[in-house]
């Protein structure tokens, strides 16, 4: 089992920044690719970003490319999502997720999930 706990969400004005963190425990963190997803009210849970085991490879949804950066610190068992130039449409609950070995772009591929952290961007 892998336990994931997100933090860092909050209320921010449009154009502002937030940094989300996700602390992992349980299995060997560096054996898992990590991803961030988000879910707005009445919408599906959508892919945001993913990072490989070592952090050498990353992937982003088109809607956040150039504004968000995913990173990881395997020594601290933590993955981050730096969010800049935030827009009201980024408002959602953000979830981190762990996937055994390789990166994935769909929620069905991920094995473990955190409880989520709310991000609200005001206009």
C-alpha atoms as a PDB file:
ATOM      1  CA  UNK A   1       0.000   0.000   0.000  1.00  0.00           C
ATOM      2  CA  UNK A   2       1.010   3.584  -0.671  1.00  0.00           C
ATOM      3  CA  UNK A   3      -0.483   6.383   1.389  1.00  0.00           C
ATOM      4  CA  UNK A   4      -0.624   9.837  -0.199  1.00  0.00           C
ATOM      5  CA  UNK A   5      -1.392  13.112   1.555  1.00  0.00           C
ATOM      6  CA  UNK A   6      -1.776  16.357  -0.406  1.00  0.00           C
ATOM      7  CA  UNK A   7      -1.322  19.834   0.997  1.00  0.00           C
ATOM      8  CA  UNK A   8      -0.902  23.397  -0.195  1.00  0.00           C
ATOM      9  CA  UNK A   9      -4.303  24.132  -1.655  1.00  0.00           C
ATOM     10  CA  UNK A  10      -6.182  27.333  -0.938  1.00  0.00           C
ATOM     11  CA  UNK A  11      -7.775  30.461  -2.323  1.00  0.00           C
ATOM     12  CA  UNK A  12      -5.760  32.617  -4.712  1.00  0.00           C
ATOM     13  CA  UNK A  13      -6.521  35.441  -7.117  1.00  0.00           C
ATOM     14  CA  UNK A  14      -6.255  34.964 -10.854  1.00  0.00           C
ATOM     15  CA  UNK A  15      -2.650  35.355 -11.960  1.00  0.00           C
ATOM     16  CA  UNK A  16      -1.327  34.106  -8.653  1.00  0.00           C
ATOM     17  CA  UNK A  17       0.626  30.993  -7.738  1.00  0.00           C
ATOM     18  CA  UNK A  18       0.307  27.989  -5.472  1.00  0.00           C
ATOM     19  CA  UNK A  19       2.555  25.028  -4.766  1.00  0.00           C
ATOM     20  CA  UNK A  20       0.938  21.712  -3.982  1.00  0.00           C
ATOM     21  CA  UNK A  21       2.798  18.956  -2.176  1.00  0.00           C
ATOM     22  CA  UNK A  22       2.027  15.267  -1.898  1.00  0.00           C
ATOM     23  CA  UNK A  23       3.809  13.231   0.761  1.00  0.00           C
ATOM     24  CA  UNK A  24       3.996   9.485   0.223  1.00  0.00           C
ATOM     25  CA  UNK A  25       4.527   6.661   2.680  1.00  0.00           C
ATOM     26  CA  UNK A  26       4.366   2.904   2.594  1.00  0.00           C
ATOM     27  CA  UNK A  27       6.100   1.332  -0.375  1.00  0.00           C
ATOM     28  CA  UNK A  28       9.323   2.506  -2.050  1.00  0.00           C
ATOM     29  CA  UNK A  29       8.479   5.933  -3.457  1.00  0.00           C
ATOM     30  CA  UNK A  30      11.015   5.745  -6.283  1.00  0.00           C
ATOM     31  CA  UNK A  31       9.259   2.647  -7.671  1.00  0.00           C
ATOM     32  CA  UNK A  32       6.225   4.749  -8.548  1.00  0.00           C
ATOM     33  CA  UNK A  33       5.559   7.279 -11.247  1.00  0.00           C
ATOM     34  CA  UNK A  34       3.448  10.089  -9.862  1.00  0.00           C
ATOM     35  CA  UNK A  35       0.628  12.085 -11.302  1.00  0.00           C
ATOM     36  CA  UNK A  36      -1.615  15.024 -10.503  1.00  0.00           C
ATOM     37  CA  UNK A  37      -5.279  15.076 -11.477  1.00  0.00           C
ATOM     38  CA  UNK A  38      -8.064  17.548 -10.812  1.00  0.00           C
ATOM     39  CA  UNK A  39     -11.809  17.404 -10.562  1.00  0.00           C
ATOM     40  CA  UNK A  40     -14.158  20.360 -10.751  1.00  0.00           C
ATOM     41  CA  UNK A  41     -17.766  20.098  -9.539  1.00  0.00           C
ATOM     42  CA  UNK A  42     -19.929  17.977 -11.862  1.00  0.00           C
ATOM     43  CA  UNK A  43     -16.927  17.151 -14.064  1.00  0.00           C
ATOM     44  CA  UNK A  44     -14.711  14.156 -14.606  1.00  0.00           C
ATOM     45  CA  UNK A  45     -11.361  13.758 -12.893  1.00  0.00           C
ATOM     46  CA  UNK A  46      -8.841  14.994 -15.463  1.00  0.00           C
ATOM     47  CA  UNK A  47      -5.138  14.453 -15.943  1.00  0.00           C
ATOM     48  CA  UNK A  48      -2.927  17.444 -15.113  1.00  0.00           C
ATOM     49  CA  UNK A  49       0.690  16.242 -15.019  1.00  0.00           C
ATOM     50  CA  UNK A  50       2.866  13.180 -14.508  1.00  0.00           C
ATOM     51  CA  UNK A  51       6.489  12.509 -13.654  1.00  0.00           C
ATOM     52  CA  UNK A  52       8.680   9.457 -14.098  1.00  0.00           C
ATOM     53  CA  UNK A  53      10.437   7.477 -11.379  1.00  0.00           C
ATOM     54  CA  UNK A  54      13.606   9.574 -11.447  1.00  0.00           C
ATOM     55  CA  UNK A  55      11.950  12.818 -12.451  1.00  0.00           C
ATOM     56  CA  UNK A  56      13.732  12.916 -15.790  1.00  0.00           C
ATOM     57  CA  UNK A  57      10.514  12.749 -17.804  1.00  0.00           C
ATOM     58  CA  UNK A  58       7.349  14.788 -17.356  1.00  0.00           C
ATOM     59  CA  UNK A  59       4.052  15.189 -19.172  1.00  0.00           C
ATOM     60  CA  UNK A  60       1.347  17.844 -18.999  1.00  0.00           C
ATOM     61  CA  UNK A  61      -2.187  18.455 -20.085  1.00  0.00           C
ATOM     62  CA  UNK A  62      -2.348  21.093 -22.806  1.00  0.00           C
ATOM     63  CA  UNK A  63      -4.438  23.331 -20.553  1.00  0.00           C
ATOM     64  CA  UNK A  64      -1.611  23.711 -18.018  1.00  0.00           C
ATOM     65  CA  UNK A  65       1.486  23.413 -20.196  1.00  0.00           C
ATOM     66  CA  UNK A  66       3.821  26.345 -19.622  1.00  0.00           C
ATOM     67  CA  UNK A  67       2.078  27.336 -16.372  1.00  0.00           C
ATOM     68  CA  UNK A  68       2.401  24.264 -14.138  1.00  0.00           C
ATOM     69  CA  UNK A  69       5.539  22.322 -13.236  1.00  0.00           C
ATOM     70  CA  UNK A  70       5.637  18.881 -11.669  1.00  0.00           C
ATOM     71  CA  UNK A  71       8.704  17.766  -9.722  1.00  0.00           C
ATOM     72  CA  UNK A  72       9.661  15.169  -7.154  1.00  0.00           C
ATOM     73  CA  UNK A  73      12.162  14.688  -4.355  1.00  0.00           C
ATOM     74  CA  UNK A  74      12.730  10.973  -3.838  1.00  0.00           C
ATOM     75  CA  UNK A  75      14.767  11.615  -0.702  1.00  0.00           C
ATOM     76  CA  UNK A  76      11.721  13.284   0.856  1.00  0.00           C
ATOM     77  CA  UNK A  77       9.121  10.942  -0.710  1.00  0.00           C
ATOM     78  CA  UNK A  78       7.308  13.993  -2.026  1.00  0.00           C
ATOM     79  CA  UNK A  79       5.934  15.172  -5.353  1.00  0.00           C
ATOM     80  CA  UNK A  80       5.132  18.813  -6.050  1.00  0.00           C
ATOM     81  CA  UNK A  81       2.972  20.786  -8.428  1.00  0.00           C
ATOM     82  CA  UNK A  82       4.003  24.402  -8.908  1.00  0.00           C
ATOM     83  CA  UNK A  83       1.082  26.315 -10.381  1.00  0.00           C
ATOM     84  CA  UNK A  84       1.677  29.770 -11.837  1.00  0.00           C
ATOM     85  CA  UNK A  85      -0.535  32.205 -13.739  1.00  0.00           C
ATOM     86  CA  UNK A  86      -3.594  30.586 -12.236  1.00  0.00           C
ATOM     87  CA  UNK A  87      -6.961  31.048 -13.899  1.00  0.00           C
ATOM     88  CA  UNK A  88     -10.501  30.667 -12.530  1.00  0.00           C
ATOM     89  CA  UNK A  89     -10.891  27.557 -14.673  1.00  0.00           C
ATOM     90  CA  UNK A  90      -8.107  25.907 -12.665  1.00  0.00           C
ATOM     91  CA  UNK A  91     -10.484  25.779  -9.697  1.00  0.00           C
ATOM     92  CA  UNK A  92     -10.872  22.136  -8.649  1.00  0.00           C
ATOM     93  CA  UNK A  93      -9.949  19.525  -6.109  1.00  0.00           C
ATOM     94  CA  UNK A  94      -6.410  18.397  -6.935  1.00  0.00           C
ATOM     95  CA  UNK A  95      -5.398  14.790  -6.348  1.00  0.00           C
ATOM     96  CA  UNK A  96      -2.020  13.143  -6.460  1.00  0.00           C
ATOM     97  CA  UNK A  97      -1.738   9.531  -7.534  1.00  0.00           C
ATOM     98  CA  UNK A  98       0.893   6.809  -7.751  1.00  0.00           C
ATOM     99  CA  UNK A  99       1.400   4.351 -10.568  1.00  0.00           C
ATOM    100  CA  UNK A 100       3.708   1.353 -10.483  1.00  0.00           C
ATOM    101  CA  UNK A 101       6.861   1.937 -12.576  1.00  0.00           C
ATOM    102  CA  UNK A 102       5.749   3.901 -15.653  1.00  0.00           C
ATOM    103  CA  UNK A 103       3.951   7.194 -16.198  1.00  0.00           C
ATOM    104  CA  UNK A 104       0.310   7.196 -17.200  1.00  0.00           C
ATOM    105  CA  UNK A 105      -2.094   9.749 -18.565  1.00  0.00           C
ATOM    106  CA  UNK A 106      -5.434   8.327 -17.437  1.00  0.00           C
ATOM    107  CA  UNK A 107      -6.865   7.922 -13.973  1.00  0.00           C
ATOM    108  CA  UNK A 108      -7.567   4.239 -14.587  1.00  0.00           C
ATOM    109  CA  UNK A 109      -3.842   3.528 -14.740  1.00  0.00           C
ATOM    110  CA  UNK A 110      -3.080   4.781 -11.245  1.00  0.00           C
ATOM    111  CA  UNK A 111      -3.063   2.462  -8.253  1.00  0.00           C
ATOM    112  CA  UNK A 112      -3.152   4.802  -5.257  1.00  0.00           C
ATOM    113  CA  UNK A 113      -4.798   8.156  -4.586  1.00  0.00           C
ATOM    114  CA  UNK A 114      -4.668  10.912  -2.016  1.00  0.00           C
ATOM    115  CA  UNK A 115      -7.721  12.536  -0.486  1.00  0.00           C
ATOM    116  CA  UNK A 116      -7.380  15.735  -2.514  1.00  0.00           C
ATOM    117  CA  UNK A 117      -6.790  19.405  -1.775  1.00  0.00           C
ATOM    118  CA  UNK A 118      -9.063  22.248  -2.864  1.00  0.00           C
ATOM    119  CA  UNK A 119      -7.709  24.983  -5.127  1.00  0.00           C
ATOM    120  CA  UNK A 120      -9.950  27.985  -5.721  1.00  0.00           C
ATOM    121  CA  UNK A 121      -8.957  30.770  -8.116  1.00  0.00           C
ATOM    122  CA  UNK A 122     -10.988  33.957  -7.898  1.00  0.00           C
ATOM    123  CA  UNK A 123     -11.394  36.336 -10.838  1.00  0.00           C
END
